[in-house]
PDB file of N, CA and C in Angstrom:
ATOM      1  N   MET A   1    -131.594   9.286 143.348  1.00  0.00           N
ATOM      2  CA  MET A   1    -131.533  10.841 143.738  1.00  0.00           C
ATOM      3  C   MET A   1    -131.845  11.507 143.364  1.00  0.00           C
ATOM      4  N   GLU A   2    -132.837  12.359 143.828  1.00  0.00           N
ATOM      5  CA  GLU A   2    -133.558  13.554 142.903  1.00  0.00           C
ATOM      6  C   GLU A   2    -132.081  14.298 142.221  1.00  0.00           C
ATOM      7  N   PRO A   3    -132.443  15.277 140.809  1.00  0.00           N
ATOM      8  CA  PRO A   3    -131.501  16.451 140.732  1.00  0.00           C
ATOM      9  C   PRO A   3    -131.914  17.602 141.461  1.00  0.00           C
ATOM     10  N   MET A   4    -130.974  18.587 141.743  1.00  0.00           N
ATOM     11  CA  MET A   4    -131.096  19.682 142.422  1.00  0.00           C
ATOM     12  C   MET A   4    -132.130  20.721 141.996  1.00  0.00           C
ATOM     13  N   PRO A   5    -132.755  21.332 142.463  1.00  0.00           N
ATOM     14  CA  PRO A   5    -133.802  22.277 141.746  1.00  0.00           C
ATOM     15  C   PRO A   5    -132.872  23.321 141.237  1.00  0.00           C
ATOM     16  N   SER A   6    -133.793  24.010 140.724  1.00  0.00           N
ATOM     17  CA  SER A   6    -132.934  25.060 140.094  1.00  0.00           C
ATOM     18  C   SER A   6    -132.184  26.214 140.490  1.00  0.00           C
ATOM     19  N   SER A   7    -133.123  26.578 141.925  1.00  0.00           N
ATOM     20  CA  SER A   7    -132.366  27.099 142.762  1.00  0.00           C
ATOM     21  C   SER A   7    -130.748  26.949 143.128  1.00  0.00           C
ATOM     22  N   ALA A   8    -131.261  25.680 143.709  1.00  0.00           N
ATOM     23  CA  ALA A   8    -129.943  24.953 144.014  1.00  0.00           C
ATOM     24  C   ALA A   8    -128.867  24.909 143.052  1.00  0.00           C
ATOM     25  N   ASP A   9    -128.940  25.171 141.362  1.00  0.00           N
ATOM     26  CA  ASP A   9    -128.073  25.053 140.313  1.00  0.00           C
ATOM     27  C   ASP A   9    -127.670  26.293 140.237  1.00  0.00           C
ATOM     28  N   ALA A  10    -128.689  27.273 140.358  1.00  0.00           N
ATOM     29  CA  ALA A  10    -128.080  28.897 140.477  1.00  0.00           C
ATOM     30  C   ALA A  10    -127.162  29.094 141.249  1.00  0.00           C
ATOM     31  N   LEU A  11    -127.458  28.516 142.789  1.00  0.00           N
ATOM     32  CA  LEU A  11    -126.919  29.150 143.517  1.00  0.00           C
ATOM     33  C   LEU A  11    -125.242  28.458 143.571  1.00  0.00           C
ATOM     34  N   PHE A  12    -125.048  27.578 143.265  1.00  0.00           N
ATOM     35  CA  PHE A  12    -123.708  26.406 142.820  1.00  0.00           C
ATOM     36  C   PHE A  12    -123.068  27.426 141.675  1.00  0.00           C
ATOM     37  N   ARG A  13    -123.616  27.245 140.717  1.00  0.00           N
ATOM     38  CA  ARG A  13    -122.916  28.801 139.713  1.00  0.00           C
ATOM     39  C   ARG A  13    -122.413  29.581 140.163  1.00  0.00           C
ATOM     40  N   ALA A  14    -123.341  30.289 140.873  1.00  0.00           N
ATOM     41  CA  ALA A  14    -122.868  31.846 141.745  1.00  0.00           C
ATOM     42  C   ALA A  14    -121.847  31.357 142.671  1.00  0.00           C
ATOM     43  N   LEU A  15    -121.917  30.562 143.465  1.00  0.00           N
ATOM     44  CA  LEU A  15    -120.383  30.427 144.282  1.00  0.00           C
ATOM     45  C   LEU A  15    -119.590  29.586 143.277  1.00  0.00           C
ATOM     46  N   GLY A  16    -119.783  29.480 142.179  1.00  0.00           N
ATOM     47  CA  GLY A  16    -118.410  28.739 141.562  1.00  0.00           C
ATOM     48  C   GLY A  16    -117.256  29.143 141.275  1.00  0.00           C
ATOM     49  N   ASP A  17    -117.766  30.567 140.877  1.00  0.00           N
ATOM     50  CA  ASP A  17    -116.924  31.553 140.877  1.00  0.00           C
ATOM     51  C   ASP A  17    -115.929  32.501 141.676  1.00  0.00           C
ATOM     52  N   PRO A  18    -114.942  32.417 141.925  1.00  0.00           N
ATOM     53  CA  PRO A  18    -113.861  32.691 143.303  1.00  0.00           C
ATOM     54  C   PRO A  18    -114.306  34.421 143.215  1.00  0.00           C
ATOM     55  N   THR A  19    -114.140  35.134 142.320  1.00  0.00           N
ATOM     56  CA  THR A  19    -114.632  36.694 142.415  1.00  0.00           C
ATOM     57  C   THR A  19    -115.893  36.922 143.251  1.00  0.00           C
ATOM     58  N   ARG A  20    -116.614  36.194 142.537  1.00  0.00           N
ATOM     59  CA  ARG A  20    -118.459  36.265 143.156  1.00  0.00           C
ATOM     60  C   ARG A  20    -118.438  35.919 144.664  1.00  0.00           C
ATOM     61  N   ARG A  21    -117.533  34.645 145.141  1.00  0.00           N
ATOM     62  CA  ARG A  21    -117.425  34.371 146.098  1.00  0.00           C
ATOM     63  C   ARG A  21    -116.842  35.818 147.592  1.00  0.00           C
ATOM     64  N   ALA A  22    -115.727  35.807 146.475  1.00  0.00           N
ATOM     65  CA  ALA A  22    -115.390  36.959 147.079  1.00  0.00           C
ATOM     66  C   ALA A  22    -116.063  38.134 147.563  1.00  0.00           C
ATOM     67  N   LEU A  23    -116.633  38.732 146.645  1.00  0.00           N
ATOM     68  CA  LEU A  23    -118.043  39.564 146.414  1.00  0.00           C
ATOM     69  C   LEU A  23    -118.885  39.064 147.651  1.00  0.00           C
ATOM     70  N   PHE A  24    -119.261  38.389 147.487  1.00  0.00           N
ATOM     71  CA  PHE A  24    -120.490  37.726 148.382  1.00  0.00           C
ATOM     72  C   PHE A  24    -119.619  37.995 150.310  1.00  0.00           C
ATOM     73  N   GLU A  25    -118.518  37.448 150.350  1.00  0.00           N
ATOM     74  CA  GLU A  25    -118.098  37.190 152.055  1.00  0.00           C
ATOM     75  C   GLU A  25    -117.611  38.519 151.976  1.00  0.00           C
ATOM     76  N   ARG A  26    -117.547  39.702 150.911  1.00  0.00           N
ATOM     77  CA  ARG A  26    -117.170  41.073 151.725  1.00  0.00           C
ATOM     78  C   ARG A  26    -118.546  41.664 152.058  1.00  0.00           C
ATOM     79  N   MET A  27    -119.640  41.411 151.426  1.00  0.00           N
ATOM     80  CA  MET A  27    -121.248  41.529 151.580  1.00  0.00           C
ATOM     81  C   MET A  27    -121.890  41.042 152.905  1.00  0.00           C
ATOM     82  N   ALA A  28    -120.874  40.068 153.314  1.00  0.00           N
ATOM     83  CA  ALA A  28    -121.723  39.197 154.309  1.00  0.00           C
ATOM     84  C   ALA A  28    -120.838  39.836 155.692  1.00  0.00           C
ATOM     85  N   GLN A  29    -120.321  40.687 155.629  1.00  0.00           N
ATOM     86  CA  GLN A  29    -119.300  41.479 156.299  1.00  0.00           C
ATOM     87  C   GLN A  29    -120.339  42.621 156.968  1.00  0.00           C
ATOM     88  N   ARG A  30    -120.824  43.560 155.757  1.00  0.00           N
ATOM     89  CA  ARG A  30    -121.540  45.227 155.794  1.00  0.00           C
ATOM     90  C   ARG A  30    -121.823  44.952 154.329  1.00  0.00           C
ATOM     91  N   GLU A  31    -123.129  45.492 154.102  1.00  0.00           N
ATOM     92  CA  GLU A  31    -123.667  46.967 153.181  1.00  0.00           C
ATOM     93  C   GLU A  31    -122.458  47.413 152.699  1.00  0.00           C
ATOM     94  N   LEU A  32    -122.344  47.189 151.537  1.00  0.00           N
ATOM     95  CA  LEU A  32    -121.313  47.934 150.430  1.00  0.00           C
ATOM     96  C   LEU A  32    -122.207  48.490 148.603  1.00  0.00           C
ATOM     97  N   THR A  33    -121.899  49.223 148.626  1.00  0.00           N
ATOM     98  CA  THR A  33    -122.133  50.093 147.310  1.00  0.00           C
ATOM     99  C   THR A  33    -121.540  49.035 146.097  1.00  0.00           C
ATOM    100  N   VAL A  34    -121.866  49.628 145.254  1.00  0.00           N
ATOM    101  CA  VAL A  34    -120.775  48.902 143.840  1.00  0.00           C
ATOM    102  C   VAL A  34    -119.469  49.694 143.952  1.00  0.00           C
ATOM    103  N   ARG A  35    -119.525  50.836 143.602  1.00  0.00           N
ATOM    104  CA  ARG A  35    -118.209  51.999 144.101  1.00  0.00           C
ATOM    105  C   ARG A  35    -117.151  50.964 145.343  1.00  0.00           C
ATOM    106  N   ALA A  36    -117.770  50.850 146.220  1.00  0.00           N
ATOM    107  CA  ALA A  36    -116.995  50.322 147.332  1.00  0.00           C
ATOM    108  C   ALA A  36    -116.508  48.523 147.134  1.00  0.00           C
ATOM    109  N   LEU A  37    -117.260  47.730 146.524  1.00  0.00           N
ATOM    110  CA  LEU A  37    -117.030  47.057 145.909  1.00  0.00           C
ATOM    111  C   LEU A  37    -115.960  46.844 145.016  1.00  0.00           C
ATOM    112  N   THR A  38    -116.216  47.998 144.291  1.00  0.00           N
ATOM    113  CA  THR A  38    -115.060  47.727 143.013  1.00  0.00           C
ATOM    114  C   THR A  38    -113.466  48.104 143.691  1.00  0.00           C
ATOM    115  N   GLU A  39    -113.608  49.103 144.615  1.00  0.00           N
ATOM    116  CA  GLU A  39    -112.355  49.506 145.314  1.00  0.00           C
ATOM    117  C   GLU A  39    -111.496  48.205 145.844  1.00  0.00           C
ATOM    118  N   GLY A  40    -110.393  47.946 145.330  1.00  0.00           N
ATOM    119  CA  GLY A  40    -109.587  47.035 145.916  1.00  0.00           C
ATOM    120  C   GLY A  40    -110.126  45.512 145.419  1.00  0.00           C
ATOM    121  N   SER A  41    -111.017  45.184 144.801  1.00  0.00           N
ATOM    122  CA  SER A  41    -111.088  43.933 143.688  1.00  0.00           C
ATOM    123  C   SER A  41    -110.327  43.975 143.104  1.00  0.00           C
ATOM    124  N   GLY A  42    -109.887  44.736 142.235  1.00  0.00           N
ATOM    125  CA  GLY A  42    -109.182  44.296 141.043  1.00  0.00           C
ATOM    126  C   GLY A  42    -109.940  44.050 139.688  1.00  0.00           C
ATOM    127  N   ILE A  43    -111.029  43.976 139.524  1.00  0.00           N
ATOM    128  CA  ILE A  43    -112.038  44.008 138.991  1.00  0.00           C
ATOM    129  C   ILE A  43    -112.853  45.209 138.292  1.00  0.00           C
ATOM    130  N   SER A  44    -113.426  45.775 137.365  1.00  0.00           N
ATOM    131  CA  SER A  44    -114.214  46.829 136.794  1.00  0.00           C
ATOM    132  C   SER A  44    -115.727  47.067 137.396  1.00  0.00           C
ATOM    133  N   GLN A  45    -116.045  48.051 137.207  1.00  0.00           N
ATOM    134  CA  GLN A  45    -117.232  49.086 137.911  1.00  0.00           C
ATOM    135  C   GLN A  45    -118.185  47.745 136.763  1.00  0.00           C
ATOM    136  N   PRO A  46    -117.753  47.556 135.601  1.00  0.00           N
ATOM    137  CA  PRO A  46    -119.082  46.945 135.216  1.00  0.00           C
ATOM    138  C   PRO A  46    -119.045  45.133 135.528  1.00  0.00           C
ATOM    139  N   ALA A  47    -117.371  45.009 135.547  1.00  0.00           N
ATOM    140  CA  ALA A  47    -117.698  43.599 135.560  1.00  0.00           C
ATOM    141  C   ALA A  47    -118.404  43.318 137.333  1.00  0.00           C
ATOM    142  N   VAL A  48    -117.957  44.056 137.921  1.00  0.00           N
ATOM    143  CA  VAL A  48    -118.075  43.462 139.834  1.00  0.00           C
ATOM    144  C   VAL A  48    -120.013  43.798 139.431  1.00  0.00           C
ATOM    145  N   SER A  49    -121.039  44.972 138.684  1.00  0.00           N
ATOM    146  CA  SER A  49    -121.914  44.406 138.301  1.00  0.00           C
ATOM    147  C   SER A  49    -122.786  43.133 137.844  1.00  0.00           C
ATOM    148  N   LYS A  50    -122.094  42.776 137.167  1.00  0.00           N
ATOM    149  CA  LYS A  50    -122.187  41.754 136.102  1.00  0.00           C
ATOM    150  C   LYS A  50    -122.482  40.524 137.516  1.00  0.00           C
ATOM    151  N   HIS A  51    -121.406  40.237 138.073  1.00  0.00           N
ATOM    152  CA  HIS A  51    -121.215  39.691 139.035  1.00  0.00           C
ATOM    153  C   HIS A  51    -122.532  39.537 140.271  1.00  0.00           C
ATOM    154  N   LEU A  52    -122.701  40.979 140.581  1.00  0.00           N
ATOM    155  CA  LEU A  52    -123.617  40.968 141.622  1.00  0.00           C
ATOM    156  C   LEU A  52    -124.973  40.867 140.955  1.00  0.00           C
ATOM    157  N   ALA A  53    -125.304  40.945 139.498  1.00  0.00           N
ATOM    158  CA  ALA A  53    -126.856  40.640 138.908  1.00  0.00           C
ATOM    159  C   ALA A  53    -126.747  38.923 139.296  1.00  0.00           C
ATOM    160  N   VAL A  54    -125.562  37.870 138.852  1.00  0.00           N
ATOM    161  CA  VAL A  54    -125.736  36.630 139.035  1.00  0.00           C
ATOM    162  C   VAL A  54    -125.816  36.112 140.627  1.00  0.00           C
ATOM    163  N   LEU A  55    -125.231  36.824 141.414  1.00  0.00           N
ATOM    164  CA  LEU A  55    -125.752  36.567 142.826  1.00  0.00           C
ATOM    165  C   LEU A  55    -126.632  37.168 143.122  1.00  0.00           C
ATOM    166  N   LYS A  56    -127.235  38.285 142.803  1.00  0.00           N
ATOM    167  CA  LYS A  56    -128.740  38.538 142.906  1.00  0.00           C
ATOM    168  C   LYS A  56    -129.322  37.686 142.508  1.00  0.00           C
ATOM    169  N   GLY A  57    -129.509  36.939 141.331  1.00  0.00           N
ATOM    170  CA  GLY A  57    -130.429  36.171 140.862  1.00  0.00           C
ATOM    171  C   GLY A  57    -130.522  34.767 141.086  1.00  0.00           C
ATOM    172  N   ALA A  58    -129.447  34.747 142.136  1.00  0.00           N
ATOM    173  CA  ALA A  58    -129.697  33.440 142.607  1.00  0.00           C
ATOM    174  C   ALA A  58    -130.000  33.285 144.082  1.00  0.00           C
ATOM    175  N   GLY A  59    -130.280  34.798 144.287  1.00  0.00           N
ATOM    176  CA  GLY A  59    -130.884  34.983 145.770  1.00  0.00           C
ATOM    177  C   GLY A  59    -130.000  35.328 146.982  1.00  0.00           C
ATOM    178  N   LEU A  60    -128.915  35.508 146.539  1.00  0.00           N
ATOM    179  CA  LEU A  60    -127.751  35.669 147.131  1.00  0.00           C
ATOM    180  C   LEU A  60    -127.036  37.019 148.010  1.00  0.00           C
ATOM    181  N   VAL A  61    -128.153  37.855 147.561  1.00  0.00           N
ATOM    182  CA  VAL A  61    -127.648  39.901 147.364  1.00  0.00           C
ATOM    183  C   VAL A  61    -128.976  40.008 147.758  1.00  0.00           C
ATOM    184  N   LEU A  62    -129.071  41.292 148.338  1.00  0.00           N
ATOM    185  CA  LEU A  62    -130.094  41.627 148.467  1.00  0.00           C
ATOM    186  C   LEU A  62    -129.967  43.317 148.336  1.00  0.00           C
ATOM    187  N   ASP A  63    -130.745  44.121 147.823  1.00  0.00           N
ATOM    188  CA  ASP A  63    -130.241  45.648 147.091  1.00  0.00           C
ATOM    189  C   ASP A  63    -131.090  46.701 148.241  1.00  0.00           C
ATOM    190  N   ARG A  64    -130.459  48.027 148.295  1.00  0.00           N
ATOM    191  CA  ARG A  64    -131.317  48.589 148.775  1.00  0.00           C
ATOM    192  C   ARG A  64    -130.870  49.844 148.250  1.00  0.00           C
ATOM    193  N   PRO A  65    -131.793  50.507 147.297  1.00  0.00           N
ATOM    194  CA  PRO A  65    -131.087  51.958 146.359  1.00  0.00           C
ATOM    195  C   PRO A  65    -131.671  53.167 147.864  1.00  0.00           C
ATOM    196  N   GLN A  66    -130.617  53.551 147.530  1.00  0.00           N
ATOM    197  CA  GLN A  66    -130.440  55.379 149.215  1.00  0.00           C
ATOM    198  C   GLN A  66    -129.935  56.257 147.797  1.00  0.00           C
ATOM    199  N   GLY A  67    -130.845  57.430 147.220  1.00  0.00           N
ATOM    200  CA  GLY A  67    -130.505  58.284 146.558  1.00  0.00           C
ATOM    201  C   GLY A  67    -129.909  57.835 145.189  1.00  0.00           C
ATOM    202  N   ARG A  68    -128.880  58.148 144.902  1.00  0.00           N
ATOM    203  CA  ARG A  68    -128.280  58.185 143.535  1.00  0.00           C
ATOM    204  C   ARG A  68    -127.622  56.380 143.497  1.00  0.00           C
ATOM    205  N   GLU A  69    -127.279  55.886 144.715  1.00  0.00           N
ATOM    206  CA  GLU A  69    -126.509  54.608 144.893  1.00  0.00           C
ATOM    207  C   GLU A  69    -127.161  53.448 145.515  1.00  0.00           C
ATOM    208  N   THR A  70    -126.927  52.496 144.957  1.00  0.00           N
ATOM    209  CA  THR A  70    -127.934  51.085 145.578  1.00  0.00           C
ATOM    210  C   THR A  70    -126.559  50.192 146.617  1.00  0.00           C
ATOM    211  N   HIS A  71    -127.109  50.275 147.716  1.00  0.00           N
ATOM    212  CA  HIS A  71    -126.473  49.488 148.441  1.00  0.00           C
ATOM    213  C   HIS A  71    -126.453  47.298 148.560  1.00  0.00           C
ATOM    214  N   TYR A  72    -125.627  47.172 148.830  1.00  0.00           N
ATOM    215  CA  TYR A  72    -125.706  45.374 148.536  1.00  0.00           C
ATOM    216  C   TYR A  72    -125.217  44.841 149.802  1.00  0.00           C
ATOM    217  N   ARG A  73    -125.714  43.948 150.132  1.00  0.00           N
ATOM    218  CA  ARG A  73    -125.853  43.093 151.345  1.00  0.00           C
ATOM    219  C   ARG A  73    -126.247  41.657 151.069  1.00  0.00           C
ATOM    220  N   ALA A  74    -125.111  40.863 151.775  1.00  0.00           N
ATOM    221  CA  ALA A  74    -125.507  39.020 151.305  1.00  0.00           C
ATOM    222  C   ALA A  74    -127.008  38.709 152.452  1.00  0.00           C
ATOM    223  N   ASN A  75    -127.740  38.068 151.372  1.00  0.00           N
ATOM    224  CA  ASN A  75    -128.628  37.190 151.987  1.00  0.00           C
ATOM    225  C   ASN A  75    -128.483  35.993 152.441  1.00  0.00           C
ATOM    226  N   PRO A  76    -128.262  36.075 153.601  1.00  0.00           N
ATOM    227  CA  PRO A  76    -128.004  34.257 154.200  1.00  0.00           C
ATOM    228  C   PRO A  76    -128.864  33.185 154.233  1.00  0.00           C
ATOM    229  N   ARG A  77    -130.394  33.704 153.920  1.00  0.00           N
ATOM    230  CA  ARG A  77    -131.183  32.935 153.470  1.00  0.00           C
ATOM    231  C   ARG A  77    -131.209  32.240 152.041  1.00  0.00           C
ATOM    232  N   GLY A  78    -130.180  32.934 150.958  1.00  0.00           N
ATOM    233  CA  GLY A  78    -129.964  32.289 149.883  1.00  0.00           C
ATOM    234  C   GLY A  78    -129.086  31.067 150.061  1.00  0.00           C
ATOM    235  N   LEU A  79    -128.564  30.924 151.038  1.00  0.00           N
ATOM    236  CA  LEU A  79    -127.760  29.912 151.262  1.00  0.00           C
ATOM    237  C   LEU A  79    -128.409  28.730 151.745  1.00  0.00           C
ATOM    238  N   ALA A  80    -130.192  28.556 151.964  1.00  0.00           N
ATOM    239  CA  ALA A  80    -130.529  27.731 152.511  1.00  0.00           C
ATOM    240  C   ALA A  80    -130.559  26.043 151.154  1.00  0.00           C
ATOM    241  N   PRO A  81    -130.613  26.366 149.431  1.00  0.00           N
ATOM    242  CA  PRO A  81    -130.354  25.235 149.160  1.00  0.00           C
ATOM    243  C   PRO A  81    -129.207  24.744 149.184  1.00  0.00           C
ATOM    244  N   LEU A  82    -128.008  24.958 149.566  1.00  0.00           N
ATOM    245  CA  LEU A  82    -126.619  24.677 149.517  1.00  0.00           C
ATOM    246  C   LEU A  82    -126.529  23.850 151.353  1.00  0.00           C
ATOM    247  N   LEU A  83    -127.388  24.343 152.332  1.00  0.00           N
ATOM    248  CA  LEU A  83    -127.515  23.542 153.164  1.00  0.00           C
ATOM    249  C   LEU A  83    -128.247  22.855 153.363  1.00  0.00           C
ATOM    250  N   ASP A  84    -129.138  22.624 152.874  1.00  0.00           N
ATOM    251  CA  ASP A  84    -129.889  21.429 152.247  1.00  0.00           C
ATOM    252  C   ASP A  84    -129.344  20.361 151.555  1.00  0.00           C
ATOM    253  N   TRP A  85    -128.616  20.498 150.755  1.00  0.00           N
ATOM    254  CA  TRP A  85    -127.501  19.440 149.588  1.00  0.00           C
ATOM    255  C   TRP A  85    -127.185  19.323 150.511  1.00  0.00           C
ATOM    256  N   MET A  86    -126.311  20.450 151.816  1.00  0.00           N
ATOM    257  CA  MET A  86    -124.996  19.451 152.442  1.00  0.00           C
ATOM    258  C   MET A  86    -125.438  18.544 153.592  1.00  0.00           C
ATOM    259  N   ARG A  87    -126.947  19.023 153.767  1.00  0.00           N
ATOM    260  CA  ARG A  87    -127.525  17.624 154.853  1.00  0.00           C
ATOM    261  C   ARG A  87    -127.952  16.566 154.219  1.00  0.00           C
ATOM    262  N   LEU A  88    -128.138  16.588 153.189  1.00  0.00           N
ATOM    263  CA  LEU A  88    -128.550  15.190 152.342  1.00  0.00           C
ATOM    264  C   LEU A  88    -127.788  14.680 152.140  1.00  0.00           C
ATOM    265  N   HIS A  89    -126.363  15.261 151.911  1.00  0.00           N
ATOM    266  CA  HIS A  89    -125.064  14.505 151.668  1.00  0.00           C
ATOM    267  C   HIS A  89    -124.488  14.158 152.668  1.00  0.00           C
ATOM    268  N   GLU A  90    -124.784  14.821 154.195  1.00  0.00           N
ATOM    269  CA  GLU A  90    -123.961  14.264 155.545  1.00  0.00           C
ATOM    270  C   GLU A  90    -124.385  12.819 155.714  1.00  0.00           C
ATOM    271  N   ASN A  91    -126.101  13.091 155.596  1.00  0.00           N
ATOM    272  CA  ASN A  91    -126.750  11.662 155.943  1.00  0.00           C
ATOM    273  C   ASN A  91    -126.853  11.126 155.105  1.00  0.00           C
ATOM    274  N   LEU A  92    -126.311  10.572 153.475  1.00  0.00           N
ATOM    275  CA  LEU A  92    -125.485   9.931 152.715  1.00  0.00           C
ATOM    276  C   LEU A  92    -124.596   8.958 153.409  1.00  0.00           C
ATOM    277  N   TRP A  93    -123.724   9.882 153.500  1.00  0.00           N
ATOM    278  CA  TRP A  93    -121.928   9.681 154.036  1.00  0.00           C
ATOM    279  C   TRP A  93    -122.438   8.630 155.315  1.00  0.00           C
ATOM    280  N   ALA A  94    -123.116   9.365 156.272  1.00  0.00           N
ATOM    281  CA  ALA A  94    -123.189   8.980 157.658  1.00  0.00           C
ATOM    282  C   ALA A  94    -123.692   7.878 157.447  1.00  0.00           C
ATOM    283  N   ASP A  95    -124.749   7.413 156.922  1.00  0.00           N
ATOM    284  CA  ASP A  95    -125.512   6.322 156.760  1.00  0.00           C
ATOM    285  C   ASP A  95    -124.190   4.889 156.040  1.00  0.00           C
ATOM    286  N   SER A  96    -123.579   5.476 155.217  1.00  0.00           N
ATOM    287  CA  SER A  96    -122.594   4.516 154.530  1.00  0.00           C
ATOM    288  C   SER A  96    -121.775   3.974 155.627  1.00  0.00           C
ATOM    289  N   PHE A  97    -121.021   5.144 156.393  1.00  0.00           N
ATOM    290  CA  PHE A  97    -119.945   4.613 157.811  1.00  0.00           C
ATOM    291  C   PHE A  97    -120.645   4.081 158.148  1.00  0.00           C
ATOM    292  N   ASP A  98    -121.556   4.288 158.693  1.00  0.00           N
ATOM    293  CA  ASP A  98    -122.635   3.354 159.807  1.00  0.00           C
ATOM    294  C   ASP A  98    -123.053   2.244 159.131  1.00  0.00           C
ATOM    295  N   ARG A  99    -123.242   1.524 157.667  1.00  0.00           N
ATOM    296  CA  ARG A  99    -122.843   0.531 157.460  1.00  0.00           C
ATOM    297  C   ARG A  99    -121.556   0.012 157.379  1.00  0.00           C
ATOM    298  N   LEU A 100    -120.548   0.775 157.082  1.00  0.00           N
ATOM    299  CA  LEU A 100    -119.140   0.078 156.807  1.00  0.00           C
ATOM    300  C   LEU A 100    -118.475  -0.319 158.336  1.00  0.00           C
ATOM    301  N   GLU A 101    -119.010   0.378 159.321  1.00  0.00           N
ATOM    302  CA  GLU A 101    -118.540   0.247 160.527  1.00  0.00           C
ATOM    303  C   GLU A 101    -119.597  -1.463 161.181  1.00  0.00           C
ATOM    304  N   ASP A 102    -120.565  -1.783 160.659  1.00  0.00           N
ATOM    305  CA  ASP A 102    -121.078  -2.654 161.172  1.00  0.00           C
ATOM    306  C   ASP A 102    -120.672  -3.996 160.402  1.00  0.00           C
ATOM    307  N   LEU A 103    -120.664  -3.695 159.159  1.00  0.00           N
ATOM    308  CA  LEU A 103    -119.771  -4.999 158.205  1.00  0.00           C
ATOM    309  C   LEU A 103    -118.191  -4.607 159.265  1.00  0.00           C
ATOM    310  N   LEU A 104    -117.267  -3.960 159.293  1.00  0.00           N
ATOM    311  CA  LEU A 104    -116.069  -4.360 159.960  1.00  0.00           C
ATOM    312  C   LEU A 104    -116.352  -5.085 161.237  1.00  0.00           C
ATOM    313  N   LYS A 105    -117.314  -4.595 162.112  1.00  0.00           N
ATOM    314  CA  LYS A 105    -116.988  -5.452 163.385  1.00  0.00           C
ATOM    315  C   LYS A 105    -117.871  -6.433 162.576  1.00  0.00           C
ATOM    316  N   ARG A 106    -118.676  -7.076 161.926  1.00  0.00           N
ATOM    317  CA  ARG A 106    -118.742  -8.785 161.924  1.00  0.00           C
ATOM    318  C   ARG A 106    -117.689  -9.184 161.030  1.00  0.00           C
ATOM    319  N   MET A 107    -116.792  -8.367 160.306  1.00  0.00           N
ATOM    320  CA  MET A 107    -115.377  -9.325 160.014  1.00  0.00           C
ATOM    321  C   MET A 107    -115.009  -9.437 161.178  1.00  0.00           C
ATOM    322  N   ASP A 108    -114.811  -8.697 161.763  1.00  0.00           N
ATOM    323  CA  ASP A 108    -113.637  -8.865 163.270  1.00  0.00           C
ATOM    324  C   ASP A 108    -114.223  -9.858 164.143  1.00  0.00           C
ATOM    325  N   GLN A 109    -115.486 -11.216 163.884  1.00  0.00           N
ATOM    326  CA  GLN A 109    -115.996 -11.392 164.883  1.00  0.00           C
ATOM    327  C   GLN A 109    -115.507 -13.131 164.430  1.00  0.00           C
TER     328      GLN A 109
END
């Protein structure tokens, strides 16, 4: 099996952190500023900004400057490497289960 491309590595690292997953989920619901993301998150504004940089670097977040603030939203297309990885493993497991089912049927005969 081929190793995951670096974009998938960055994606898994980004979503591997529960704080980043929570931020991503909030941005998936609506566009938010750093201030809005910081409120109720239990972490500081600099920490939110660092998490946003990781998410943005993984292609999971898009930003839109507006005046003195920047608005952030989730980028669903950034999940493509995760979906590709899941499809690959789904196919591998499905093939394995099919072979197991065939073997069990032969053993019952």
